[in-house]
C-alpha cells in the first residue's frame, strides 16, 4: 500500500549512504518526493529499519535545502531501497502543527 503524501519525481544522480557505524554504500537516486527517495543500491543491500545519512552531490542540495539528510530505510531488497527522510517529514509535521 502506498503511503506517500507527495508525488514522486524521477531523478538520476549518485548519493552516498552512510551507516551510523561509518560504513558506506554508493547508490543512485531513482525518484524523489518531498519526504523520501528511492535508490538503487546495485547489489549492496542495506537492511530495512536502520537510519542512514544521505550525502547528496553539491549540485543537488537545492532539492532538500541541504547536502546531508537523515533517512530511515523503510524498505530494502537486493537492488533497491526506499528512504523516508526523517528531517523533511519532521519539518512537514511542524508546519502542519503551526497552521
Protein backbone atom coordinates (compact mmCIF):
# COMPACT_ATOMS: atom_id res chain seq x y z
CA UNK A 1 0.00 0.00 0.00
CA UNK A 2 1.32 3.44 -0.94
CA UNK A 3 1.80 5.81 2.00
CA UNK A 4 3.40 8.81 0.32
CA UNK A 5 1.65 12.14 0.64
CA UNK A 6 3.68 13.83 -2.08
CA UNK A 7 4.21 12.87 -5.74
CA UNK A 8 7.39 11.14 -6.86
CA UNK A 9 9.63 12.71 -9.47
CA UNK A 10 12.11 10.65 -11.48
CA UNK A 11 15.75 11.55 -10.85
CA UNK A 12 19.11 10.11 -11.78
CA UNK A 13 22.12 11.07 -9.67
CA UNK A 14 24.55 9.40 -7.28
CA UNK A 15 24.46 9.63 -3.48
CA UNK A 16 26.40 8.05 -0.66
CA UNK A 17 24.53 6.26 2.12
CA UNK A 18 26.48 6.16 5.36
CA UNK A 19 25.53 3.98 8.32
CA UNK A 20 25.92 5.06 11.92
CA UNK A 21 28.95 2.72 12.15
CA UNK A 22 30.66 4.58 9.29
CA UNK A 23 30.15 2.03 6.51
CA UNK A 24 29.14 3.48 3.15
CA UNK A 25 27.14 2.31 0.14
CA UNK A 26 27.18 4.06 -3.22
CA UNK A 27 23.63 4.44 -4.51
CA UNK A 28 21.82 6.02 -7.42
CA UNK A 29 18.64 8.03 -6.83
CA UNK A 30 15.68 6.77 -8.86
CA UNK A 31 12.97 9.11 -7.59
CA UNK A 32 12.36 11.80 -5.01
CA UNK A 33 9.37 13.20 -3.20
CA UNK A 34 9.13 15.85 -0.51
CA UNK A 35 9.69 13.28 2.23
CA UNK A 36 11.52 10.38 0.62
CA UNK A 37 13.80 8.97 -2.03
CA UNK A 38 14.03 5.68 -3.86
CA UNK A 39 17.53 4.43 -4.59
CA UNK A 40 19.27 1.67 -6.48
CA UNK A 41 21.94 0.04 -4.34
CA UNK A 42 23.38 -2.17 -7.10
CA UNK A 43 23.59 -5.41 -5.14
CA UNK A 44 24.94 -3.77 -1.95
CA UNK A 45 21.84 -4.26 0.19
CA UNK A 46 21.20 -2.24 3.29
CA UNK A 47 18.86 -3.52 5.99
CA UNK A 48 15.36 -2.15 6.40
CA UNK A 49 14.70 -0.34 9.66
CA UNK A 50 18.05 1.40 10.01
CA UNK A 51 18.90 5.10 9.92
CA UNK A 52 21.44 6.26 7.33
CA UNK A 53 22.97 9.58 6.44
CA UNK A 54 22.38 10.51 2.81
CA UNK A 55 25.13 12.59 1.26
CA UNK A 56 23.93 14.43 -1.85
CA UNK A 57 26.20 15.85 -4.53
CA UNK A 58 26.63 19.61 -4.11
CA UNK A 59 24.66 20.35 -7.27
CA UNK A 60 21.57 18.55 -5.86
CA UNK A 61 21.42 20.07 -2.38
CA UNK A 62 18.75 22.52 -3.56
CA UNK A 63 16.27 19.61 -3.77
CA UNK A 64 16.11 19.48 0.03
CA UNK A 65 17.98 22.59 1.15
CA UNK A 66 20.91 20.58 2.49
CA UNK A 67 23.70 18.34 1.26
CA UNK A 68 23.26 15.98 4.22
CA UNK A 69 19.99 14.22 5.05
CA UNK A 70 18.91 11.58 7.54
CA UNK A 71 16.93 8.70 6.12
CA UNK A 72 15.06 5.77 7.63
CA UNK A 73 15.26 2.70 5.39
CA UNK A 74 11.54 1.95 5.05
CA UNK A 75 12.06 -0.99 2.69
CA UNK A 76 15.01 -2.68 1.08
CA UNK A 77 15.79 -5.57 -1.19
CA UNK A 78 18.92 -6.68 -3.03
CA UNK A 79 18.77 -3.89 -5.62
CA UNK A 80 16.63 -1.04 -4.29
CA UNK A 81 15.68 0.76 -1.10
CA UNK A 82 13.12 3.35 -0.09
CA UNK A 83 14.23 6.03 2.35
CA UNK A 84 11.88 8.13 4.42
CA UNK A 85 13.63 11.44 5.02
CA UNK A 86 13.26 11.97 8.73
CA UNK A 87 14.17 15.67 8.83
CA UNK A 88 11.89 16.57 5.89
CA UNK A 89 8.98 14.70 7.48
CA UNK A 90 9.58 16.43 10.83
CA UNK A 91 9.59 19.84 9.13
CA UNK A 92 6.30 18.97 7.40
CA UNK A 93 4.74 17.88 10.71
CA UNK A 94 5.87 21.13 12.37
CA UNK A 95 4.42 23.17 9.51
CA UNK A 96 1.04 21.40 9.87
CA UNK A 97 1.05 21.91 13.64
CA UNK A 98 1.63 25.64 13.23
CA UNK A 99 -1.26 26.16 10.79
